[in-house]
Amino acid sequence: VMNTEVAKVAQSGIREFDQKVSKVPGIVKLTLGEQDFNV
């Protein structure tokens, strides 16, 4: 009953990997394009 094209699509490789390594205690992440500056 699912959209077959959506079912084919994997989660973002970037986000998936970021989530995977985020579980490592004390990790320094240089994974996402998220700035350390404020608006």
ModelCIF file with pLDDT and N, C-alpha, C, O atoms, coordinates in Angstrom:
data_MODEL
#
_entry.id   MODEL 
#
_entity.id                         1 
_entity.type                       polymer 
_entity.pdbx_number_of_molecules   1 
#
_entity_poly.entity_id                      1 
_entity_poly.type                           'polypeptide(L)' 
_entity_poly.nstd_linkage                   no 
_entity_poly.nstd_monomer                   no 
_entity_poly.pdbx_seq_one_letter_code       VMNTEVAKVAQSGIREFDQKVSKVPGIVKLTLGEQDFNV 
_entity_poly.pdbx_seq_one_letter_code_can   VMNTEVAKVAQSGIREFDQKVSKVPGIVKLTLGEQDFNV 
_entity_poly.pdbx_strand_id                 A 
#
loop_
_entity_poly_seq.entity_id 
_entity_poly_seq.num 
_entity_poly_seq.mon_id 
_entity_poly_seq.hetero 
1 1  VAL n 
1 2  MET n 
1 3  ASN n 
1 4  THR n 
1 5  GLU n 
1 6  VAL n 
1 7  ALA n 
1 8  LYS n 
1 9  VAL n 
1 10 ALA n 
1 11 GLN n 
1 12 SER n 
1 13 GLY n 
1 14 ILE n 
1 15 ARG n 
1 16 GLU n 
1 17 PHE n 
1 18 ASP n 
1 19 GLN n 
1 20 LYS n 
1 21 VAL n 
1 22 SER n 
1 23 LYS n 
1 24 VAL n 
1 25 PRO n 
1 26 GLY n 
1 27 ILE n 
1 28 VAL n 
1 29 LYS n 
1 30 LEU n 
1 31 THR n 
1 32 LEU n 
1 33 GLY n 
1 34 GLU n 
1 35 GLN n 
1 36 ASP n 
1 37 PHE n 
1 38 ASN n 
1 39 VAL n 
#
_struct_asym.id          A 
_struct_asym.entity_id   1 
#
loop_
_ma_qa_metric.id 
_ma_qa_metric.mode 
_ma_qa_metric.name 
_ma_qa_metric.software_group_id 
_ma_qa_metric.type 
1 global pLDDT . pLDDT 
2 local  pLDDT . pLDDT 
#
_ma_qa_metric_global.metric_id      1 
_ma_qa_metric_global.metric_value   87.41 
_ma_qa_metric_global.model_id       1 
_ma_qa_metric_global.ordinal_id     1 
#
loop_
_ma_qa_metric_local.label_asym_id 
_ma_qa_metric_local.label_comp_id 
_ma_qa_metric_local.label_seq_id 
_ma_qa_metric_local.metric_id 
_ma_qa_metric_local.metric_value 
_ma_qa_metric_local.model_id 
_ma_qa_metric_local.ordinal_id 
A VAL 1  2 87.00 1 1  
A MET 2  2 87.00 1 2  
A ASN 3  2 89.00 1 3  
A THR 4  2 88.00 1 4  
A GLU 5  2 89.00 1 5  
A VAL 6  2 88.00 1 6  
A ALA 7  2 86.00 1 7  
A LYS 8  2 84.00 1 8  
A VAL 9  2 85.00 1 9  
A ALA 10 2 78.00 1 10 
A GLN 11 2 75.00 1 11 
A SER 12 2 75.00 1 12 
A GLY 13 2 75.00 1 13 
A ILE 14 2 83.00 1 14 
A ARG 15 2 80.00 1 15 
A GLU 16 2 84.00 1 16 
A PHE 17 2 86.00 1 17 
A ASP 18 2 86.00 1 18 
A GLN 19 2 87.00 1 19 
A LYS 20 2 85.00 1 20 
A VAL 21 2 87.00 1 21 
A SER 22 2 87.00 1 22 
A LYS 23 2 90.00 1 23 
A VAL 24 2 91.00 1 24 
A PRO 25 2 94.00 1 25 
A GLY 26 2 95.00 1 26 
A ILE 27 2 96.00 1 27 
A VAL 28 2 95.00 1 28 
A LYS 29 2 95.00 1 29 
A LEU 30 2 95.00 1 30 
A THR 31 2 93.00 1 31 
A LEU 32 2 87.00 1 32 
A GLY 33 2 82.00 1 33 
A GLU 34 2 82.00 1 34 
A GLN 35 2 89.00 1 35 
A ASP 36 2 90.00 1 36 
A PHE 37 2 94.00 1 37 
A ASN 38 2 94.00 1 38 
A VAL 39 2 96.00 1 39 
#
loop_
_atom_site.group_PDB 
_atom_site.id 
_atom_site.type_symbol 
_atom_site.label_atom_id 
_atom_site.label_alt_id 
_atom_site.label_comp_id 
_atom_site.label_asym_id 
_atom_site.label_entity_id 
_atom_site.label_seq_id 
_atom_site.pdbx_PDB_ins_code 
_atom_site.Cartn_x 
_atom_site.Cartn_y 
_atom_site.Cartn_z 
_atom_site.occupancy 
_atom_site.B_iso_or_equiv 
_atom_site.pdbx_formal_charge 
_atom_site.auth_seq_id 
_atom_site.auth_comp_id 
_atom_site.auth_asym_id 
_atom_site.auth_atom_id 
_atom_site.pdbx_PDB_model_num 
ATOM 1   N N  . VAL A 1 1  ? 0.833  -1.205 0.000  1.00 87.00 ? 1  VAL A N  1 
ATOM 2   C CA . VAL A 1 1  ? 0.000  0.000  0.000  1.00 87.00 ? 1  VAL A CA 1 
ATOM 3   C C  . VAL A 1 1  ? 0.870  1.259  0.000  1.00 87.00 ? 1  VAL A C  1 
ATOM 4   O O  . VAL A 1 1  ? 0.353  2.376  -0.027 1.00 87.00 ? 1  VAL A O  1 
ATOM 5   N N  . MET A 1 2  ? 2.182  1.073  0.030  1.00 87.00 ? 2  MET A N  1 
ATOM 6   C CA . MET A 1 2  ? 3.096  2.222  0.056  1.00 87.00 ? 2  MET A CA 1 
ATOM 7   C C  . MET A 1 2  ? 3.424  2.697  -1.356 1.00 87.00 ? 2  MET A C  1 
ATOM 8   O O  . MET A 1 2  ? 3.342  1.934  -2.318 1.00 87.00 ? 2  MET A O  1 
ATOM 9   N N  . ASN A 1 3  ? 3.794  3.965  -1.462 1.00 89.00 ? 3  ASN A N  1 
ATOM 10  C CA . ASN A 1 3  ? 4.318  4.510  -2.711 1.00 89.00 ? 3  ASN A CA 1 
ATOM 11  C C  . ASN A 1 3  ? 5.640  3.806  -3.009 1.00 89.00 ? 3  ASN A C  1 
ATOM 12  O O  . ASN A 1 3  ? 6.595  3.916  -2.240 1.00 89.00 ? 3  ASN A O  1 
ATOM 13  N N  . THR A 1 4  ? 5.690  3.094  -4.115 1.00 88.00 ? 4  THR A N  1 
ATOM 14  C CA . THR A 1 4  ? 6.873  2.266  -4.399 1.00 88.00 ? 4  THR A CA 1 
ATOM 15  C C  . THR A 1 4  ? 8.123  3.100  -4.618 1.00 88.00 ? 4  THR A C  1 
ATOM 16  O O  . THR A 1 4  ? 9.227  2.659  -4.297 1.00 88.00 ? 4  THR A O  1 
ATOM 17  N N  . GLU A 1 5  ? 7.960  4.316  -5.171 1.00 89.00 ? 5  GLU A N  1 
ATOM 18  C CA . GLU A 1 5  ? 9.136  5.162  -5.406 1.00 89.00 ? 5  GLU A CA 1 
ATOM 19  C C  . GLU A 1 5  ? 9.704  5.670  -4.087 1.00 89.00 ? 5  GLU A C  1 
ATOM 20  O O  . GLU A 1 5  ? 10.921 5.749  -3.919 1.00 89.00 ? 5  GLU A O  1 
ATOM 21  N N  . VAL A 1 6  ? 8.824  6.012  -3.156 1.00 88.00 ? 6  VAL A N  1 
ATOM 22  C CA . VAL A 1 6  ? 9.297  6.463  -1.841 1.00 88.00 ? 6  VAL A CA 1 
ATOM 23  C C  . VAL A 1 6  ? 9.959  5.306  -1.111 1.00 88.00 ? 6  VAL A C  1 
ATOM 24  O O  . VAL A 1 6  ? 10.977 5.486  -0.442 1.00 88.00 ? 6  VAL A O  1 
ATOM 25  N N  . ALA A 1 7  ? 9.381  4.118  -1.240 1.00 86.00 ? 7  ALA A N  1 
ATOM 26  C CA . ALA A 1 7  ? 9.951  2.944  -0.583 1.00 86.00 ? 7  ALA A CA 1 
ATOM 27  C C  . ALA A 1 7  ? 11.368 2.649  -1.070 1.00 86.00 ? 7  ALA A C  1 
ATOM 28  O O  . ALA A 1 7  ? 12.191 2.118  -0.324 1.00 86.00 ? 7  ALA A O  1 
ATOM 29  N N  . LYS A 1 8  ? 11.645 3.000  -2.334 1.00 84.00 ? 8  LYS A N  1 
ATOM 30  C CA . LYS A 1 8  ? 12.990 2.767  -2.900 1.00 84.00 ? 8  LYS A CA 1 
ATOM 31  C C  . LYS A 1 8  ? 14.046 3.673  -2.282 1.00 84.00 ? 8  LYS A C  1 
ATOM 32  O O  . LYS A 1 8  ? 15.229 3.335  -2.240 1.00 84.00 ? 8  LYS A O  1 
ATOM 33  N N  . VAL A 1 9  ? 13.597 4.827  -1.804 1.00 85.00 ? 9  VAL A N  1 
ATOM 34  C CA . VAL A 1 9  ? 14.537 5.860  -1.371 1.00 85.00 ? 9  VAL A CA 1 
ATOM 35  C C  . VAL A 1 9  ? 15.050 5.566  0.030  1.00 85.00 ? 9  VAL A C  1 
ATOM 36  O O  . VAL A 1 9  ? 14.270 5.357  0.959  1.00 85.00 ? 9  VAL A O  1 
ATOM 37  N N  . ALA A 1 10 ? 16.363 5.551  0.168  1.00 78.00 ? 10 ALA A N  1 
ATOM 38  C CA . ALA A 1 10 ? 16.969 5.363  1.485  1.00 78.00 ? 10 ALA A CA 1 
ATOM 39  C C  . ALA A 1 10 ? 17.009 6.704  2.207  1.00 78.00 ? 10 ALA A C  1 
ATOM 40  O O  . ALA A 1 10 ? 16.885 7.762  1.591  1.00 78.00 ? 10 ALA A O  1 
ATOM 41  N N  . GLN A 1 11 ? 17.183 6.637  3.524  1.00 75.00 ? 11 GLN A N  1 
ATOM 42  C CA . GLN A 1 11 ? 17.378 7.866  4.290  1.00 75.00 ? 11 GLN A CA 1 
ATOM 43  C C  . GLN A 1 11 ? 18.630 8.571  3.769  1.00 75.00 ? 11 GLN A C  1 
ATOM 44  O O  . GLN A 1 11 ? 19.529 7.921  3.236  1.00 75.00 ? 11 GLN A O  1 
ATOM 45  N N  . SER A 1 12 ? 18.695 9.883  3.919  1.00 75.00 ? 12 SER A N  1 
ATOM 46  C CA . SER A 1 12 ? 19.881 10.645 3.521  1.00 75.00 ? 12 SER A CA 1 
ATOM 47  C C  . SER A 1 12 ? 21.133 9.998  4.097  1.00 75.00 ? 12 SER A C  1 
ATOM 48  O O  . SER A 1 12 ? 21.230 9.773  5.303  1.00 75.00 ? 12 SER A O  1 
ATOM 49  N N  . GLY A 1 13 ? 22.100 9.700  3.215  1.00 75.00 ? 13 GLY A N  1 
ATOM 50  C CA . GLY A 1 13 ? 23.352 9.092  3.661  1.00 75.00 ? 13 GLY A CA 1 
ATOM 51  C C  . GLY A 1 13 ? 24.087 9.987  4.641  1.00 75.00 ? 13 GLY A C  1 
ATOM 52  O O  . GLY A 1 13 ? 24.786 9.501  5.530  1.00 75.00 ? 13 GLY A O  1 
ATOM 53  N N  . ILE A 1 14 ? 23.930 11.297 4.479  1.00 83.00 ? 14 ILE A N  1 
ATOM 54  C CA . ILE A 1 14 ? 24.593 12.248 5.376  1.00 83.00 ? 14 ILE A CA 1 
ATOM 55  C C  . ILE A 1 14 ? 23.964 12.171 6.762  1.00 83.00 ? 14 ILE A C  1 
ATOM 56  O O  . ILE A 1 14 ? 24.662 12.026 7.766  1.00 83.00 ? 14 ILE A O  1 
ATOM 57  N N  . ARG A 1 15 ? 22.629 12.269 6.806  1.00 80.00 ? 15 ARG A N  1 
ATOM 58  C CA . ARG A 1 15 ? 21.934 12.244 8.096  1.00 80.00 ? 15 ARG A CA 1 
ATOM 59  C C  . ARG A 1 15 ? 22.087 10.885 8.785  1.00 80.00 ? 15 ARG A C  1 
ATOM 60  O O  . ARG A 1 15 ? 22.279 10.804 9.999  1.00 80.00 ? 15 ARG A O  1 
ATOM 61  N N  . GLU A 1 16 ? 21.998 9.831  7.986  1.00 84.00 ? 16 GLU A N  1 
ATOM 62  C CA . GLU A 1 16 ? 22.106 8.482  8.551  1.00 84.00 ? 16 GLU A CA 1 
ATOM 63  C C  . GLU A 1 16 ? 23.471 8.286  9.195  1.00 84.00 ? 16 GLU A C  1 
ATOM 64  O O  . GLU A 1 16 ? 23.578 7.752  10.298 1.00 84.00 ? 16 GLU A O  1 
ATOM 65  N N  . PHE A 1 17 ? 24.516 8.726  8.491  1.00 86.00 ? 17 PHE A N  1 
ATOM 66  C CA . PHE A 1 17 ? 25.856 8.553  9.047  1.00 86.00 ? 17 PHE A CA 1 
ATOM 67  C C  . PHE A 1 17 ? 26.050 9.438  10.271 1.00 86.00 ? 17 PHE A C  1 
ATOM 68  O O  . PHE A 1 17 ? 26.673 9.031  11.251 1.00 86.00 ? 17 PHE A O  1 
ATOM 69  N N  . ASP A 1 18 ? 25.508 10.656 10.205 1.00 86.00 ? 18 ASP A N  1 
ATOM 70  C CA . ASP A 1 18 ? 25.609 11.563 11.347 1.00 86.00 ? 18 ASP A CA 1 
ATOM 71  C C  . ASP A 1 18 ? 24.965 10.933 12.585 1.00 86.00 ? 18 ASP A C  1 
ATOM 72  O O  . ASP A 1 18 ? 25.521 10.992 13.682 1.00 86.00 ? 18 ASP A O  1 
ATOM 73  N N  . GLN A 1 19 ? 23.780 10.328 12.395 1.00 87.00 ? 19 GLN A N  1 
ATOM 74  C CA . GLN A 1 19 ? 23.102 9.685  13.526 1.00 87.00 ? 19 GLN A CA 1 
ATOM 75  C C  . GLN A 1 19 ? 23.916 8.510  14.066 1.00 87.00 ? 19 GLN A C  1 
ATOM 76  O O  . GLN A 1 19 ? 23.987 8.279  15.273 1.00 87.00 ? 19 GLN A O  1 
ATOM 77  N N  . LYS A 1 20 ? 24.522 7.784  13.145 1.00 85.00 ? 20 LYS A N  1 
ATOM 78  C CA . LYS A 1 20 ? 25.311 6.607  13.526 1.00 85.00 ? 20 LYS A CA 1 
ATOM 79  C C  . LYS A 1 20 ? 26.486 7.011  14.425 1.00 85.00 ? 20 LYS A C  1 
ATOM 80  O O  . LYS A 1 20 ? 26.713 6.401  15.470 1.00 85.00 ? 20 LYS A O  1 
ATOM 81  N N  . VAL A 1 21 ? 27.230 8.046  14.010 1.00 87.00 ? 21 VAL A N  1 
ATOM 82  C CA . VAL A 1 21 ? 28.424 8.420  14.774 1.00 87.00 ? 21 VAL A CA 1 
ATOM 83  C C  . VAL A 1 21 ? 28.090 9.276  15.996 1.00 87.00 ? 21 VAL A C  1 
ATOM 84  O O  . VAL A 1 21 ? 28.903 9.408  16.911 1.00 87.00 ? 21 VAL A O  1 
ATOM 85  N N  . SER A 1 22 ? 26.874 9.861  16.002 1.00 87.00 ? 22 SER A N  1 
ATOM 86  C CA . SER A 1 22 ? 26.488 10.693 17.153 1.00 87.00 ? 22 SER A CA 1 
ATOM 87  C C  . SER A 1 22 ? 26.407 9.885  18.441 1.00 87.00 ? 22 SER A C  1 
ATOM 88  O O  . SER A 1 22 ? 26.446 10.445 19.537 1.00 87.00 ? 22 SER A O  1 
ATOM 89  N N  . LYS A 1 23 ? 26.294 8.567  18.304 1.00 90.00 ? 23 LYS A N  1 
ATOM 90  C CA . LYS A 1 23 ? 26.197 7.708  19.484 1.00 90.00 ? 23 LYS A CA 1 
ATOM 91  C C  . LYS A 1 23 ? 27.555 7.488  20.157 1.00 90.00 ? 23 LYS A C  1 
ATOM 92  O O  . LYS A 1 23 ? 27.617 6.980  21.277 1.00 90.00 ? 23 LYS A O  1 
ATOM 93  N N  . VAL A 1 24 ? 28.641 7.868  19.478 1.00 91.00 ? 24 VAL A N  1 
ATOM 94  C CA . VAL A 1 24 ? 29.980 7.678  20.058 1.00 91.00 ? 24 VAL A CA 1 
ATOM 95  C C  . VAL A 1 24 ? 30.194 8.731  21.139 1.00 91.00 ? 24 VAL A C  1 
ATOM 96  O O  . VAL A 1 24 ? 30.116 9.924  20.845 1.00 91.00 ? 24 VAL A O  1 
ATOM 97  N N  . PRO A 1 25 ? 30.459 8.329  22.377 1.00 94.00 ? 25 PRO A N  1 
ATOM 98  C CA . PRO A 1 25 ? 30.621 9.301  23.465 1.00 94.00 ? 25 PRO A CA 1 
ATOM 99  C C  . PRO A 1 25 ? 31.795 10.248 23.210 1.00 94.00 ? 25 PRO A C  1 
ATOM 100 O O  . PRO A 1 25 ? 32.886 9.815  22.839 1.00 94.00 ? 25 PRO A O  1 
ATOM 101 N N  . GLY A 1 26 ? 31.555 11.552 23.414 1.00 95.00 ? 26 GLY A N  1 
ATOM 102 C CA . GLY A 1 26 ? 32.636 12.539 23.315 1.00 95.00 ? 26 GLY A CA 1 
ATOM 103 C C  . GLY A 1 26 ? 33.105 12.841 21.906 1.00 95.00 ? 26 GLY A C  1 
ATOM 104 O O  . GLY A 1 26 ? 34.176 13.419 21.725 1.00 95.00 ? 26 GLY A O  1 
ATOM 105 N N  . ILE A 1 27 ? 32.320 12.460 20.895 1.00 96.00 ? 27 ILE A N  1 
ATOM 106 C CA . ILE A 1 27 ? 32.753 12.668 19.517 1.00 96.00 ? 27 ILE A CA 1 
ATOM 107 C C  . ILE A 1 27 ? 32.706 14.151 19.135 1.00 96.00 ? 27 ILE A C  1 
ATOM 108 O O  . ILE A 1 27 ? 31.823 14.886 19.575 1.00 96.00 ? 27 ILE A O  1 
ATOM 109 N N  . VAL A 1 28 ? 33.667 14.579 18.312 1.00 95.00 ? 28 VAL A N  1 
ATOM 110 C CA . VAL A 1 28 ? 33.641 15.908 17.703 1.00 95.00 ? 28 VAL A CA 1 
ATOM 111 C C  . VAL A 1 28 ? 33.081 15.720 16.299 1.00 95.00 ? 28 VAL A C  1 
ATOM 112 O O  . VAL A 1 28 ? 33.648 14.986 15.490 1.00 95.00 ? 28 VAL A O  1 
ATOM 113 N N  . LYS A 1 29 ? 31.960 16.390 16.014 1.00 95.00 ? 29 LYS A N  1 
ATOM 114 C CA . LYS A 1 29 ? 31.296 16.159 14.731 1.00 95.00 ? 29 LYS A CA 1 
ATOM 115 C C  . LYS A 1 29 ? 31.594 17.266 13.726 1.00 95.00 ? 29 LYS A C  1 
ATOM 116 O O  . LYS A 1 29 ? 31.330 18.443 13.970 1.00 95.00 ? 29 LYS A O  1 
ATOM 117 N N  . LEU A 1 30 ? 32.151 16.852 12.587 1.00 95.00 ? 30 LEU A N  1 
ATOM 118 C CA . LEU A 1 30 ? 32.350 17.756 11.444 1.00 95.00 ? 30 LEU A CA 1 
ATOM 119 C C  . LEU A 1 30 ? 31.513 17.223 10.285 1.00 95.00 ? 30 LEU A C  1 
ATOM 120 O O  . LEU A 1 30 ? 31.939 17.233 9.130  1.00 95.00 ? 30 LEU A O  1 
ATOM 121 N N  . THR A 1 31 ? 30.307 16.755 10.624 1.00 93.00 ? 31 THR A N  1 
ATOM 122 C CA . THR A 1 31 ? 29.474 16.038 9.658  1.00 93.00 ? 31 THR A CA 1 
ATOM 123 C C  . THR A 1 31 ? 28.525 16.951 8.898  1.00 93.00 ? 31 THR A C  1 
ATOM 124 O O  . THR A 1 31 ? 28.503 16.931 7.668  1.00 93.00 ? 31 THR A O  1 
ATOM 125 N N  . LEU A 1 32 ? 27.740 17.754 9.614  1.00 87.00 ? 32 LEU A N  1 
ATOM 126 C CA . LEU A 1 32 ? 26.676 18.531 8.979  1.00 87.00 ? 32 LEU A CA 1 
ATOM 127 C C  . LEU A 1 32 ? 27.119 19.957 8.687  1.00 87.00 ? 32 LEU A C  1 
ATOM 128 O O  . LEU A 1 32 ? 28.031 20.488 9.321  1.00 87.00 ? 32 LEU A O  1 
ATOM 129 N N  . GLY A 1 33 ? 26.443 20.568 7.703  1.00 82.00 ? 33 GLY A N  1 
ATOM 130 C CA . GLY A 1 33 ? 26.707 21.963 7.362  1.00 82.00 ? 33 GLY A CA 1 
ATOM 131 C C  . GLY A 1 33 ? 25.942 22.890 8.287  1.00 82.00 ? 33 GLY A C  1 
ATOM 132 O O  . GLY A 1 33 ? 25.108 23.676 7.837  1.00 82.00 ? 33 GLY A O  1 
ATOM 133 N N  . GLU A 1 34 ? 26.223 22.802 9.567  1.00 82.00 ? 34 GLU A N  1 
ATOM 134 C CA . GLU A 1 34 ? 25.530 23.606 10.577 1.00 82.00 ? 34 GLU A CA 1 
ATOM 135 C C  . GLU A 1 34 ? 26.537 24.540 11.227 1.00 82.00 ? 34 GLU A C  1 
ATOM 136 O O  . GLU A 1 34 ? 27.449 24.101 11.928 1.00 82.00 ? 34 GLU A O  1 
ATOM 137 N N  . GLN A 1 35 ? 26.357 25.851 10.982 1.00 89.00 ? 35 GLN A N  1 
ATOM 138 C CA . GLN A 1 35 ? 27.333 26.826 11.453 1.00 89.00 ? 35 GLN A CA 1 
ATOM 139 C C  . GLN A 1 35 ? 27.323 26.980 12.969 1.00 89.00 ? 35 GLN A C  1 
ATOM 140 O O  . GLN A 1 35 ? 26.336 26.678 13.640 1.00 89.00 ? 35 GLN A O  1 
ATOM 141 N N  . ASP A 1 36 ? 28.468 27.464 13.495 1.00 90.00 ? 36 ASP A N  1 
ATOM 142 C CA . ASP A 1 36 ? 28.525 27.773 14.923 1.00 90.00 ? 36 ASP A CA 1 
ATOM 143 C C  . ASP A 1 36 ? 28.251 29.259 15.162 1.00 90.00 ? 36 ASP A C  1 
ATOM 144 O O  . ASP A 1 36 ? 28.409 29.741 16.284 1.00 90.00 ? 36 ASP A O  1 
ATOM 145 N N  . PHE A 1 37 ? 27.842 29.991 14.117 1.00 94.00 ? 37 PHE A N  1 
ATOM 146 C CA . PHE A 1 37 ? 27.467 31.395 14.263 1.00 94.00 ? 37 PHE A CA 1 
ATOM 147 C C  . PHE A 1 37 ? 25.978 31.501 14.596 1.00 94.00 ? 37 PHE A C  1 
ATOM 148 O O  . PHE A 1 37 ? 25.195 30.599 14.300 1.00 94.00 ? 37 PHE A O  1 
ATOM 149 N N  . ASN A 1 38 ? 25.605 32.618 15.216 1.00 94.00 ? 38 ASN A N  1 
ATOM 150 C CA . ASN A 1 38 ? 24.197 32.876 15.500 1.00 94.00 ? 38 ASN A CA 1 
ATOM 151 C C  . ASN A 1 38 ? 23.605 33.805 14.443 1.00 94.00 ? 38 ASN A C  1 
ATOM 152 O O  . ASN A 1 38 ? 24.332 34.488 13.721 1.00 94.00 ? 38 ASN A O  1 
ATOM 153 N N  . VAL A 1 39 ? 22.288 33.819 14.366 1.00 96.00 ? 39 VAL A N  1 
ATOM 154 C CA . VAL A 1 39 ? 21.589 34.721 13.452 1.00 96.00 ? 39 VAL A CA 1 
ATOM 155 C C  . VAL A 1 39 ? 21.906 36.161 13.852 1.00 96.00 ? 39 VAL A C  1 
ATOM 156 O O  . VAL A 1 39 ? 21.422 37.099 13.217 1.00 96.00 ? 39 VAL A O  1 
#
